[in-house]
Amino acid sequence: MSWVYLAVLLVSAACVLAVDRRFRLFVWHSPARAALVLALGTAFFLAWDLTGIALGVFLHGAGPYQTGVLLAPELPLEELVFLLFLCELTMVLVQGARRLLRVRLAQPEDAR
């Protein structure tokens, strides 16, 4: 049993949250809305995973870097953390891109 993969996911999530906090892109811009979006996004992908597991498409391949903790048959703890991280990262990237685009479009043509 190893916690390496989970630790990497948590450190990566902390880095994305630090960027989010610095620029107030998602969670720190609107916490209640962000919590709802994260919950819905994670639930969607979790349902997707559970459907794939039920159909025999997704199987848990135990690796040396995983905790071995299963939340359900074929559903490791790391998968839930990864799905939450994926949703947070996606929203930070989307909001960051929108902000950069707004700044770019606000500049006069000759300043570009």
PDB file of N, CA and C in Angstrom:
ATOM      1  N   MET A   1       0.847  -1.172   0.000  1.00  0.00           N
ATOM      2  CA  MET A   1       0.000   0.000   0.000  1.00  0.00           C
ATOM      3  C   MET A   1       0.895   1.239   0.000  1.00  0.00           C
ATOM      4  N   SER A   2       0.622   2.120  -0.963  1.00  0.00           N
ATOM      5  CA  SER A   2       1.406   3.334  -1.102  1.00  0.00           C
ATOM      6  C   SER A   2       0.479   4.529  -1.277  1.00  0.00           C
ATOM      7  N   TRP A   3       0.926   5.663  -0.827  1.00  0.00           N
ATOM      8  CA  TRP A   3       0.114   6.878  -0.904  1.00  0.00           C
ATOM      9  C   TRP A   3       0.687   7.856  -1.926  1.00  0.00           C
ATOM     10  N   VAL A   4       1.599   7.402  -2.770  1.00  0.00           N
ATOM     11  CA  VAL A   4       2.296   8.285  -3.703  1.00  0.00           C
ATOM     12  C   VAL A   4       1.333   8.955  -4.680  1.00  0.00           C
ATOM     13  N   TYR A   5       0.498   8.182  -5.351  1.00  0.00           N
ATOM     14  CA  TYR A   5      -0.409   8.736  -6.356  1.00  0.00           C
ATOM     15  C   TYR A   5      -1.388   9.725  -5.715  1.00  0.00           C
ATOM     16  N   LEU A   6      -1.941   9.367  -4.576  1.00  0.00           N
ATOM     17  CA  LEU A   6      -2.866  10.261  -3.879  1.00  0.00           C
ATOM     18  C   LEU A   6      -2.148  11.548  -3.466  1.00  0.00           C
ATOM     19  N   ALA A   7      -0.929  11.422  -2.978  1.00  0.00           N
ATOM     20  CA  ALA A   7      -0.154  12.604  -2.572  1.00  0.00           C
ATOM     21  C   ALA A   7       0.123  13.508  -3.772  1.00  0.00           C
ATOM     22  N   VAL A   8       0.467  12.920  -4.909  1.00  0.00           N
ATOM     23  CA  VAL A   8       0.715  13.710  -6.124  1.00  0.00           C
ATOM     24  C   VAL A   8      -0.555  14.443  -6.547  1.00  0.00           C
ATOM     25  N   LEU A   9      -1.682  13.772  -6.483  1.00  0.00           N
ATOM     26  CA  LEU A   9      -2.957  14.413  -6.822  1.00  0.00           C
ATOM     27  C   LEU A   9      -3.261  15.578  -5.883  1.00  0.00           C
ATOM     28  N   LEU A  10      -3.039  15.379  -4.598  1.00  0.00           N
ATOM     29  CA  LEU A  10      -3.334  16.427  -3.620  1.00  0.00           C
ATOM     30  C   LEU A  10      -2.391  17.619  -3.763  1.00  0.00           C
ATOM     31  N   VAL A  11      -1.113  17.363  -4.025  1.00  0.00           N
ATOM     32  CA  VAL A  11      -0.156  18.456  -4.235  1.00  0.00           C
ATOM     33  C   VAL A  11      -0.516  19.217  -5.509  1.00  0.00           C
ATOM     34  N   SER A  12      -0.873  18.505  -6.553  1.00  0.00           N
ATOM     35  CA  SER A  12      -1.275  19.148  -7.806  1.00  0.00           C
ATOM     36  C   SER A  12      -2.525  19.996  -7.601  1.00  0.00           C
ATOM     37  N   ALA A  13      -3.481  19.473  -6.870  1.00  0.00           N
ATOM     38  CA  ALA A  13      -4.711  20.223  -6.583  1.00  0.00           C
ATOM     39  C   ALA A  13      -4.396  21.469  -5.762  1.00  0.00           C
ATOM     40  N   ALA A  14      -3.481  21.353  -4.813  1.00  0.00           N
ATOM     41  CA  ALA A  14      -3.096  22.512  -4.002  1.00  0.00           C
ATOM     42  C   ALA A  14      -2.454  23.586  -4.868  1.00  0.00           C
ATOM     43  N   CYS A  15      -1.655  23.190  -5.847  1.00  0.00           N
ATOM     44  CA  CYS A  15      -1.030  24.163  -6.755  1.00  0.00           C
ATOM     45  C   CYS A  15      -2.085  24.873  -7.605  1.00  0.00           C
ATOM     46  N   VAL A  16      -3.050  24.130  -8.111  1.00  0.00           N
ATOM     47  CA  VAL A  16      -4.121  24.743  -8.908  1.00  0.00           C
ATOM     48  C   VAL A  16      -4.947  25.679  -8.029  1.00  0.00           C
ATOM     49  N   LEU A  17      -5.218  25.270  -6.804  1.00  0.00           N
ATOM     50  CA  LEU A  17      -5.962  26.140  -5.887  1.00  0.00           C
ATOM     51  C   LEU A  17      -5.168  27.401  -5.538  1.00  0.00           C
ATOM     52  N   ALA A  18      -3.845  27.290  -5.483  1.00  0.00           N
ATOM     53  CA  ALA A  18      -3.014  28.471  -5.216  1.00  0.00           C
ATOM     54  C   ALA A  18      -3.109  29.471  -6.369  1.00  0.00           C
ATOM     55  N   VAL A  19      -3.078  28.972  -7.594  1.00  0.00           N
ATOM     56  CA  VAL A  19      -3.251  29.845  -8.764  1.00  0.00           C
ATOM     57  C   VAL A  19      -4.653  30.447  -8.747  1.00  0.00           C
ATOM     58  N   ASP A  20      -5.625  29.617  -8.438  1.00  0.00           N
ATOM     59  CA  ASP A  20      -7.011  30.071  -8.347  1.00  0.00           C
ATOM     60  C   ASP A  20      -7.141  31.189  -7.316  1.00  0.00           C
ATOM     61  N   ARG A  21      -6.530  31.004  -6.174  1.00  0.00           N
ATOM     62  CA  ARG A  21      -6.612  32.016  -5.116  1.00  0.00           C
ATOM     63  C   ARG A  21      -5.903  33.300  -5.524  1.00  0.00           C
ATOM     64  N   ARG A  22      -4.733  33.164  -6.115  1.00  0.00           N
ATOM     65  CA  ARG A  22      -3.941  34.339  -6.510  1.00  0.00           C
ATOM     66  C   ARG A  22      -4.707  35.230  -7.480  1.00  0.00           C
ATOM     67  N   PHE A  23      -5.390  34.623  -8.452  1.00  0.00           N
ATOM     68  CA  PHE A  23      -6.072  35.400  -9.484  1.00  0.00           C
ATOM     69  C   PHE A  23      -7.598  35.433  -9.316  1.00  0.00           C
ATOM     70  N   ARG A  24      -8.091  34.786  -8.244  1.00  0.00           N
ATOM     71  CA  ARG A  24      -9.535  34.746  -7.962  1.00  0.00           C
ATOM     72  C   ARG A  24     -10.326  34.357  -9.214  1.00  0.00           C
ATOM     73  N   LEU A  25     -10.003  33.182  -9.724  1.00  0.00           N
ATOM     74  CA  LEU A  25     -10.593  32.731 -10.977  1.00  0.00           C
ATOM     75  C   LEU A  25     -11.885  31.940 -10.799  1.00  0.00           C
ATOM     76  N   PHE A  26     -11.940  31.088  -9.791  1.00  0.00           N
ATOM     77  CA  PHE A  26     -13.076  30.172  -9.699  1.00  0.00           C
ATOM     78  C   PHE A  26     -13.579  30.061  -8.264  1.00  0.00           C
ATOM     79  N   VAL A  27     -12.904  29.292  -7.438  1.00  0.00           N
ATOM     80  CA  VAL A  27     -13.366  29.091  -6.061  1.00  0.00           C
ATOM     81  C   VAL A  27     -13.345  30.397  -5.275  1.00  0.00           C
ATOM     82  N   TRP A  28     -12.266  31.162  -5.420  1.00  0.00           N
ATOM     83  CA  TRP A  28     -12.171  32.400  -4.647  1.00  0.00           C
ATOM     84  C   TRP A  28     -12.931  33.559  -5.297  1.00  0.00           C
ATOM     85  N   HIS A  29     -13.429  33.348  -6.488  1.00  0.00           N
ATOM     86  CA  HIS A  29     -14.258  34.370  -7.139  1.00  0.00           C
ATOM     87  C   HIS A  29     -15.704  34.257  -6.673  1.00  0.00           C
ATOM     88  N   SER A  30     -16.195  33.020  -6.627  1.00  0.00           N
ATOM     89  CA  SER A  30     -17.583  32.769  -6.227  1.00  0.00           C
ATOM     90  C   SER A  30     -17.662  31.380  -5.580  1.00  0.00           C
ATOM     91  N   PRO A  31     -17.370  31.281  -4.279  1.00  0.00           N
ATOM     92  CA  PRO A  31     -17.257  29.979  -3.613  1.00  0.00           C
ATOM     93  C   PRO A  31     -18.505  29.097  -3.699  1.00  0.00           C
ATOM     94  N   ALA A  32     -19.679  29.675  -3.505  1.00  0.00           N
ATOM     95  CA  ALA A  32     -20.905  28.856  -3.523  1.00  0.00           C
ATOM     96  C   ALA A  32     -21.153  28.287  -4.917  1.00  0.00           C
ATOM     97  N   ARG A  33     -21.011  29.124  -5.911  1.00  0.00           N
ATOM     98  CA  ARG A  33     -21.213  28.664  -7.291  1.00  0.00           C
ATOM     99  C   ARG A  33     -20.155  27.627  -7.664  1.00  0.00           C
ATOM    100  N   ALA A  34     -18.917  27.861  -7.242  1.00  0.00           N
ATOM    101  CA  ALA A  34     -17.835  26.930  -7.536  1.00  0.00           C
ATOM    102  C   ALA A  34     -18.090  25.570  -6.880  1.00  0.00           C
ATOM    103  N   ALA A  35     -18.547  25.585  -5.648  1.00  0.00           N
ATOM    104  CA  ALA A  35     -18.844  24.322  -4.949  1.00  0.00           C
ATOM    105  C   ALA A  35     -19.927  23.539  -5.690  1.00  0.00           C
ATOM    106  N   LEU A  36     -20.936  24.242  -6.172  1.00  0.00           N
ATOM    107  CA  LEU A  36     -22.009  23.581  -6.921  1.00  0.00           C
ATOM    108  C   LEU A  36     -21.473  22.996  -8.227  1.00  0.00           C
ATOM    109  N   VAL A  37     -20.681  23.775  -8.956  1.00  0.00           N
ATOM    110  CA  VAL A  37     -20.113  23.301 -10.219  1.00  0.00           C
ATOM    111  C   VAL A  37     -19.189  22.100  -9.980  1.00  0.00           C
ATOM    112  N   LEU A  38     -18.357  22.178  -8.950  1.00  0.00           N
ATOM    113  CA  LEU A  38     -17.454  21.059  -8.637  1.00  0.00           C
ATOM    114  C   LEU A  38     -18.241  19.810  -8.255  1.00  0.00           C
ATOM    115  N   ALA A  39     -19.277  19.985  -7.452  1.00  0.00           N
ATOM    116  CA  ALA A  39     -20.094  18.840  -7.035  1.00  0.00           C
ATOM    117  C   ALA A  39     -20.802  18.209  -8.236  1.00  0.00           C
ATOM    118  N   LEU A  40     -21.391  19.032  -9.088  1.00  0.00           N
ATOM    119  CA  LEU A  40     -22.100  18.504 -10.261  1.00  0.00           C
ATOM    120  C   LEU A  40     -21.145  17.864 -11.257  1.00  0.00           C
ATOM    121  N   GLY A  41     -20.013  18.514 -11.499  1.00  0.00           N
ATOM    122  CA  GLY A  41     -19.034  17.950 -12.432  1.00  0.00           C
ATOM    123  C   GLY A  41     -18.468  16.630 -11.945  1.00  0.00           C
ATOM    124  N   THR A  42     -18.113  16.596 -10.672  1.00  0.00           N
ATOM    125  CA  THR A  42     -17.569  15.363 -10.096  1.00  0.00           C
ATOM    126  C   THR A  42     -18.631  14.266 -10.091  1.00  0.00           C
ATOM    127  N   ALA A  43     -19.872  14.611  -9.766  1.00  0.00           N
ATOM    128  CA  ALA A  43     -20.958  13.621  -9.773  1.00  0.00           C
ATOM    129  C   ALA A  43     -21.173  13.066 -11.178  1.00  0.00           C
ATOM    130  N   PHE A  44     -21.119  13.937 -12.182  1.00  0.00           N
ATOM    131  CA  PHE A  44     -21.283  13.482 -13.565  1.00  0.00           C
ATOM    132  C   PHE A  44     -20.208  12.463 -13.934  1.00  0.00           C
ATOM    133  N   PHE A  45     -18.951  12.819 -13.681  1.00  0.00           N
ATOM    134  CA  PHE A  45     -17.866  11.910 -14.035  1.00  0.00           C
ATOM    135  C   PHE A  45     -17.856  10.647 -13.168  1.00  0.00           C
ATOM    136  N   LEU A  46     -18.309  10.761 -11.932  1.00  0.00           N
ATOM    137  CA  LEU A  46     -18.416   9.584 -11.077  1.00  0.00           C
ATOM    138  C   LEU A  46     -19.495   8.638 -11.617  1.00  0.00           C
ATOM    139  N   ALA A  47     -20.619   9.208 -12.050  1.00  0.00           N
ATOM    140  CA  ALA A  47     -21.675   8.388 -12.664  1.00  0.00           C
ATOM    141  C   ALA A  47     -21.152   7.717 -13.939  1.00  0.00           C
ATOM    142  N   TRP A  48     -20.374   8.464 -14.696  1.00  0.00           N
ATOM    143  CA  TRP A  48     -19.757   7.927 -15.915  1.00  0.00           C
ATOM    144  C   TRP A  48     -18.867   6.734 -15.556  1.00  0.00           C
ATOM    145  N   ASP A  49     -18.029   6.905 -14.541  1.00  0.00           N
ATOM    146  CA  ASP A  49     -17.146   5.824 -14.102  1.00  0.00           C
ATOM    147  C   ASP A  49     -17.935   4.612 -13.619  1.00  0.00           C
ATOM    148  N   LEU A  50     -18.950   4.868 -12.800  1.00  0.00           N
ATOM    149  CA  LEU A  50     -19.745   3.760 -12.269  1.00  0.00           C
ATOM    150  C   LEU A  50     -20.473   3.007 -13.383  1.00  0.00           C
ATOM    151  N   THR A  51     -20.918   3.724 -14.403  1.00  0.00           N
ATOM    152  CA  THR A  51     -21.543   3.072 -15.559  1.00  0.00           C
ATOM    153  C   THR A  51     -20.520   2.211 -16.285  1.00  0.00           C
ATOM    154  N   GLY A  52     -19.323   2.770 -16.490  1.00  0.00           N
ATOM    155  CA  GLY A  52     -18.262   1.999 -17.131  1.00  0.00           C
ATOM    156  C   GLY A  52     -17.863   0.770 -16.333  1.00  0.00           C
ATOM    157  N   ILE A  53     -17.846   0.906 -15.026  1.00  0.00           N
ATOM    158  CA  ILE A  53     -17.536  -0.233 -14.153  1.00  0.00           C
ATOM    159  C   ILE A  53     -18.622  -1.290 -14.263  1.00  0.00           C
ATOM    160  N   ALA A  54     -19.891  -0.854 -14.228  1.00  0.00           N
ATOM    161  CA  ALA A  54     -21.017  -1.799 -14.320  1.00  0.00           C
ATOM    162  C   ALA A  54     -21.017  -2.545 -15.653  1.00  0.00           C
ATOM    163  N   LEU A  55     -20.583  -1.871 -16.716  1.00  0.00           N
ATOM    164  CA  LEU A  55     -20.533  -2.499 -18.040  1.00  0.00           C
ATOM    165  C   LEU A  55     -19.261  -3.318 -18.255  1.00  0.00           C
ATOM    166  N   GLY A  56     -18.365  -3.292 -17.287  1.00  0.00           N
ATOM    167  CA  GLY A  56     -17.121  -4.051 -17.394  1.00  0.00           C
ATOM    168  C   GLY A  56     -16.070  -3.373 -18.255  1.00  0.00           C
ATOM    169  N   VAL A  57     -16.266  -2.083 -18.559  1.00  0.00           N
ATOM    170  CA  VAL A  57     -15.311  -1.343 -19.373  1.00  0.00           C
ATOM    171  C   VAL A  57     -14.139  -0.858 -18.527  1.00  0.00           C
ATOM    172  N   PHE A  58     -14.438  -0.360 -17.328  1.00  0.00           N
ATOM    173  CA  PHE A  58     -13.393   0.152 -16.430  1.00  0.00           C
ATOM    174  C   PHE A  58     -13.115  -0.885 -15.347  1.00  0.00           C
ATOM    175  N   LEU A  59     -11.856  -1.217 -15.209  1.00  0.00           N
ATOM    176  CA  LEU A  59     -11.441  -2.158 -14.175  1.00  0.00           C
ATOM    177  C   LEU A  59     -10.336  -1.522 -13.346  1.00  0.00           C
ATOM    178  N   HIS A  60     -10.330  -1.835 -12.081  1.00  0.00           N
ATOM    179  CA  HIS A  60      -9.306  -1.312 -11.183  1.00  0.00           C
ATOM    180  C   HIS A  60      -8.057  -2.149 -11.334  1.00  0.00           C
ATOM    181  N   GLY A  61      -7.022  -1.511 -11.803  1.00  0.00           N
ATOM    182  CA  GLY A  61      -5.742  -2.200 -11.911  1.00  0.00           C
ATOM    183  C   GLY A  61      -4.861  -1.742 -10.757  1.00  0.00           C
ATOM    184  N   ALA A  62      -4.787  -2.529  -9.739  1.00  0.00           N
ATOM    185  CA  ALA A  62      -4.007  -2.146  -8.558  1.00  0.00           C
ATOM    186  C   ALA A  62      -2.557  -1.928  -8.954  1.00  0.00           C
ATOM    187  N   GLY A  63      -2.041  -0.782  -8.564  1.00  0.00           N
ATOM    188  CA  GLY A  63      -0.655  -0.462  -8.861  1.00  0.00           C
ATOM    189  C   GLY A  63       0.135  -0.244  -7.588  1.00  0.00           C
ATOM    190  N   PRO A  64       1.447  -0.208  -7.712  1.00  0.00           N
ATOM    191  CA  PRO A  64       2.287  -0.060  -6.531  1.00  0.00           C
ATOM    192  C   PRO A  64       2.215   1.332  -5.903  1.00  0.00           C
ATOM    193  N   TYR A  65       1.635   2.298  -6.615  1.00  0.00           N
ATOM    194  CA  TYR A  65       1.592   3.668  -6.113  1.00  0.00           C
ATOM    195  C   TYR A  65       0.228   4.061  -5.574  1.00  0.00           C
ATOM    196  N   GLN A  66      -0.702   3.128  -5.536  1.00  0.00           N
ATOM    197  CA  GLN A  66      -2.053   3.411  -5.070  1.00  0.00           C
ATOM    198  C   GLN A  66      -2.246   2.940  -3.637  1.00  0.00           C
ATOM    199  N   THR A  67      -3.244   3.557  -2.978  1.00  0.00           N
ATOM    200  CA  THR A  67      -3.499   3.219  -1.578  1.00  0.00           C
ATOM    201  C   THR A  67      -4.123   1.838  -1.419  1.00  0.00           C
ATOM    202  N   GLY A  68      -4.861   1.413  -2.411  1.00  0.00           N
ATOM    203  CA  GLY A  68      -5.582   0.153  -2.292  1.00  0.00           C
ATOM    204  C   GLY A  68      -6.955   0.330  -1.665  1.00  0.00           C
ATOM    205  N   VAL A  69      -7.303   1.564  -1.284  1.00  0.00           N
ATOM    206  CA  VAL A  69      -8.609   1.852  -0.700  1.00  0.00           C
ATOM    207  C   VAL A  69      -9.634   1.942  -1.820  1.00  0.00           C
ATOM    208  N   LEU A  70     -10.660   1.110  -1.749  1.00  0.00           N
ATOM    209  CA  LEU A  70     -11.726   1.121  -2.749  1.00  0.00           C
ATOM    210  C   LEU A  70     -12.989   1.707  -2.136  1.00  0.00           C
ATOM    211  N   LEU A  71     -13.604   2.655  -2.834  1.00  0.00           N
ATOM    212  CA  LEU A  71     -14.857   3.250  -2.376  1.00  0.00           C
ATOM    213  C   LEU A  71     -16.042   2.380  -2.773  1.00  0.00           C
ATOM    214  N   ALA A  72     -15.873   1.648  -3.836  1.00  0.00           N
ATOM    215  CA  ALA A  72     -16.856   0.682  -4.351  1.00  0.00           C
ATOM    216  C   ALA A  72     -16.037  -0.334  -5.144  1.00  0.00           C
ATOM    217  N   PRO A  73     -16.647  -1.436  -5.531  1.00  0.00           N
ATOM    218  CA  PRO A  73     -15.882  -2.389  -6.339  1.00  0.00           C
ATOM    219  C   PRO A  73     -15.331  -1.706  -7.598  1.00  0.00           C
ATOM    220  N   GLU A  74     -14.046  -1.839  -7.835  1.00  0.00           N
ATOM    221  CA  GLU A  74     -13.344  -1.280  -8.985  1.00  0.00           C
ATOM    222  C   GLU A  74     -13.213   0.247  -8.974  1.00  0.00           C
ATOM    223  N   LEU A  75     -13.551   0.901  -7.846  1.00  0.00           N
ATOM    224  CA  LEU A  75     -13.475   2.366  -7.760  1.00  0.00           C
ATOM    225  C   LEU A  75     -12.520   2.774  -6.639  1.00  0.00           C
ATOM    226  N   PRO A  76     -11.268   3.087  -7.005  1.00  0.00           N
ATOM    227  CA  PRO A  76     -10.297   3.472  -5.978  1.00  0.00           C
ATOM    228  C   PRO A  76     -10.528   4.892  -5.464  1.00  0.00           C
ATOM    229  N   LEU A  77     -10.082   5.145  -4.269  1.00  0.00           N
ATOM    230  CA  LEU A  77     -10.166   6.473  -3.656  1.00  0.00           C
ATOM    231  C   LEU A  77      -9.537   7.535  -4.555  1.00  0.00           C
ATOM    232  N   GLU A  78      -8.437   7.197  -5.171  1.00  0.00           N
ATOM    233  CA  GLU A  78      -7.726   8.153  -6.020  1.00  0.00           C
ATOM    234  C   GLU A  78      -8.576   8.640  -7.187  1.00  0.00           C
ATOM    235  N   GLU A  79      -9.489   7.817  -7.656  1.00  0.00           N
ATOM    236  CA  GLU A  79     -10.342   8.214  -8.778  1.00  0.00           C
ATOM    237  C   GLU A  79     -11.250   9.385  -8.397  1.00  0.00           C
ATOM    238  N   LEU A  80     -11.818   9.333  -7.215  1.00  0.00           N
ATOM    239  CA  LEU A  80     -12.668  10.424  -6.754  1.00  0.00           C
ATOM    240  C   LEU A  80     -11.864  11.718  -6.618  1.00  0.00           C
ATOM    241  N   VAL A  81     -10.675  11.623  -6.042  1.00  0.00           N
ATOM    242  CA  VAL A  81      -9.811  12.795  -5.888  1.00  0.00           C
ATOM    243  C   VAL A  81      -9.400  13.326  -7.263  1.00  0.00           C
ATOM    244  N   PHE A  82      -9.093  12.426  -8.193  1.00  0.00           N
ATOM    245  CA  PHE A  82      -8.723  12.837  -9.546  1.00  0.00           C
ATOM    246  C   PHE A  82      -9.875  13.557 -10.246  1.00  0.00           C
ATOM    247  N   LEU A  83     -11.081  13.058 -10.106  1.00  0.00           N
ATOM    248  CA  LEU A  83     -12.231  13.686 -10.760  1.00  0.00           C
ATOM    249  C   LEU A  83     -12.470  15.090 -10.218  1.00  0.00           C
ATOM    250  N   LEU A  84     -12.346  15.254  -8.924  1.00  0.00           N
ATOM    251  CA  LEU A  84     -12.479  16.581  -8.318  1.00  0.00           C
ATOM    252  C   LEU A  84     -11.364  17.505  -8.822  1.00  0.00           C
ATOM    253  N   PHE A  85     -10.151  17.000  -8.870  1.00  0.00           N
ATOM    254  CA  PHE A  85      -9.015  17.771  -9.394  1.00  0.00           C
ATOM    255  C   PHE A  85      -9.243  18.151 -10.851  1.00  0.00           C
ATOM    256  N   LEU A  86      -9.734  17.222 -11.651  1.00  0.00           N
ATOM    257  CA  LEU A  86      -9.990  17.471 -13.059  1.00  0.00           C
ATOM    258  C   LEU A  86     -10.996  18.607 -13.251  1.00  0.00           C
ATOM    259  N   CYS A  87     -12.055  18.598 -12.472  1.00  0.00           N
ATOM    260  CA  CYS A  87     -13.074  19.651 -12.567  1.00  0.00           C
ATOM    261  C   CYS A  87     -12.504  21.005 -12.143  1.00  0.00           C
ATOM    262  N   GLU A  88     -11.749  21.048 -11.065  1.00  0.00           N
ATOM    263  CA  GLU A  88     -11.147  22.298 -10.598  1.00  0.00           C
ATOM    264  C   GLU A  88     -10.162  22.834 -11.636  1.00  0.00           C
ATOM    265  N   LEU A  89      -9.295  21.978 -12.144  1.00  0.00           N
ATOM    266  CA  LEU A  89      -8.306  22.389 -13.134  1.00  0.00           C
ATOM    267  C   LEU A  89      -8.986  22.930 -14.391  1.00  0.00           C
ATOM    268  N   THR A  90     -10.005  22.244 -14.858  1.00  0.00           N
ATOM    269  CA  THR A  90     -10.721  22.680 -16.055  1.00  0.00           C
ATOM    270  C   THR A  90     -11.334  24.055 -15.860  1.00  0.00           C
ATOM    271  N   MET A  91     -11.966  24.275 -14.719  1.00  0.00           N
ATOM    272  CA  MET A  91     -12.608  25.564 -14.487  1.00  0.00           C
ATOM    273  C   MET A  91     -11.587  26.686 -14.327  1.00  0.00           C
ATOM    274  N   VAL A  92     -10.467  26.419 -13.700  1.00  0.00           N
ATOM    275  CA  VAL A  92      -9.412  27.431 -13.570  1.00  0.00           C
ATOM    276  C   VAL A  92      -8.858  27.775 -14.954  1.00  0.00           C
ATOM    277  N   LEU A  93      -8.650  26.773 -15.791  1.00  0.00           N
ATOM    278  CA  LEU A  93      -8.162  27.026 -17.147  1.00  0.00           C
ATOM    279  C   LEU A  93      -9.178  27.822 -17.964  1.00  0.00           C
ATOM    280  N   VAL A  94     -10.450  27.458 -17.876  1.00  0.00           N
ATOM    281  CA  VAL A  94     -11.496  28.168 -18.624  1.00  0.00           C
ATOM    282  C   VAL A  94     -11.602  29.616 -18.162  1.00  0.00           C
ATOM    283  N   GLN A  95     -11.662  29.820 -16.858  1.00  0.00           N
ATOM    284  CA  GLN A  95     -11.803  31.180 -16.339  1.00  0.00           C
ATOM    285  C   GLN A  95     -10.543  32.003 -16.606  1.00  0.00           C
ATOM    286  N   GLY A  96      -9.388  31.385 -16.526  1.00  0.00           N
ATOM    287  CA  GLY A  96      -8.145  32.086 -16.837  1.00  0.00           C
ATOM    288  C   GLY A  96      -8.095  32.492 -18.302  1.00  0.00           C
ATOM    289  N   ALA A  97      -8.501  31.594 -19.187  1.00  0.00           N
ATOM    290  CA  ALA A  97      -8.532  31.908 -20.617  1.00  0.00           C
ATOM    291  C   ALA A  97      -9.525  33.032 -20.904  1.00  0.00           C
ATOM    292  N   ARG A  98     -10.679  32.988 -20.262  1.00  0.00           N
ATOM    293  CA  ARG A  98     -11.669  34.063 -20.453  1.00  0.00           C
ATOM    294  C   ARG A  98     -11.105  35.407 -20.008  1.00  0.00           C
ATOM    295  N   ARG A  99     -10.422  35.411 -18.882  1.00  0.00           N
ATOM    296  CA  ARG A  99      -9.851  36.666 -18.385  1.00  0.00           C
ATOM    297  C   ARG A  99      -8.772  37.187 -19.333  1.00  0.00           C
ATOM    298  N   LEU A 100      -7.901  36.305 -19.798  1.00  0.00           N
ATOM    299  CA  LEU A 100      -6.860  36.723 -20.732  1.00  0.00           C
ATOM    300  C   LEU A 100      -7.460  37.253 -22.031  1.00  0.00           C
ATOM    301  N   LEU A 101      -8.505  36.627 -22.501  1.00  0.00           N
ATOM    302  CA  LEU A 101      -9.176  37.080 -23.718  1.00  0.00           C
ATOM    303  C   LEU A 101      -9.804  38.455 -23.525  1.00  0.00           C
ATOM    304  N   ARG A 102     -10.435  38.668 -22.370  1.00  0.00           N
ATOM    305  CA  ARG A 102     -11.030  39.981 -22.071  1.00  0.00           C
ATOM    306  C   ARG A 102      -9.969  41.069 -22.063  1.00  0.00           C
ATOM    307  N   VAL A 103      -8.837  40.784 -21.430  1.00  0.00           N
ATOM    308  CA  VAL A 103      -7.741  41.761 -21.380  1.00  0.00           C
ATOM    309  C   VAL A 103      -7.223  42.032 -22.787  1.00  0.00           C
ATOM    310  N   ARG A 104      -7.055  40.974 -23.548  1.00  0.00           N
ATOM    311  CA  ARG A 104      -6.541  41.105 -24.916  1.00  0.00           C
ATOM    312  C   ARG A 104      -7.489  41.937 -25.776  1.00  0.00           C
ATOM    313  N   LEU A 105      -8.786  41.685 -25.668  1.00  0.00           N
ATOM    314  CA  LEU A 105      -9.766  42.407 -26.479  1.00  0.00           C
ATOM    315  C   LEU A 105      -9.943  43.852 -26.021  1.00  0.00           C
ATOM    316  N   ALA A 106      -9.621  44.132 -24.768  1.00  0.00           N
ATOM    317  CA  ALA A 106      -9.765  45.484 -24.247  1.00  0.00           C
ATOM    318  C   ALA A 106      -8.615  46.385 -24.677  1.00  0.00           C
ATOM    319  N   GLN A 107      -7.495  45.804 -25.110  1.00  0.00           N
ATOM    320  CA  GLN A 107      -6.351  46.597 -25.538  1.00  0.00           C
ATOM    321  C   GLN A 107      -6.634  47.236 -26.903  1.00  0.00           C
ATOM    322  N   PRO A 108      -6.186  48.471 -27.089  1.00  0.00           N
ATOM    323  CA  PRO A 108      -6.332  49.076 -28.414  1.00  0.00           C
ATOM    324  C   PRO A 108      -5.502  48.317 -29.450  1.00  0.00           C
ATOM    325  N   GLU A 109      -5.912  48.413 -30.683  1.00  0.00           N
ATOM    326  CA  GLU A 109      -5.274  47.683 -31.772  1.00  0.00           C
ATOM    327  C   GLU A 109      -3.777  47.981 -31.889  1.00  0.00           C
ATOM    328  N   ASP A 110      -3.370  49.225 -31.703  1.00  0.00           N
ATOM    329  CA  ASP A 110      -1.965  49.586 -31.838  1.00  0.00           C
ATOM    330  C   ASP A 110      -1.105  49.153 -30.649  1.00  0.00           C
ATOM    331  N   ALA A 111      -1.719  48.796 -29.525  1.00  0.00           N
ATOM    332  CA  ALA A 111      -0.965  48.357 -28.351  1.00  0.00           C
ATOM    333  C   ALA A 111      -0.618  46.873 -28.428  1.00  0.00           C
ATOM    334  N   ARG A 112      -1.201  46.188 -29.375  1.00  0.00           N
ATOM    335  CA  ARG A 112      -0.970  44.739 -29.506  1.00  0.00           C
ATOM    336  C   ARG A 112       0.294  44.507 -30.193  1.00  0.00           C
TER     337      ARG A 112
END
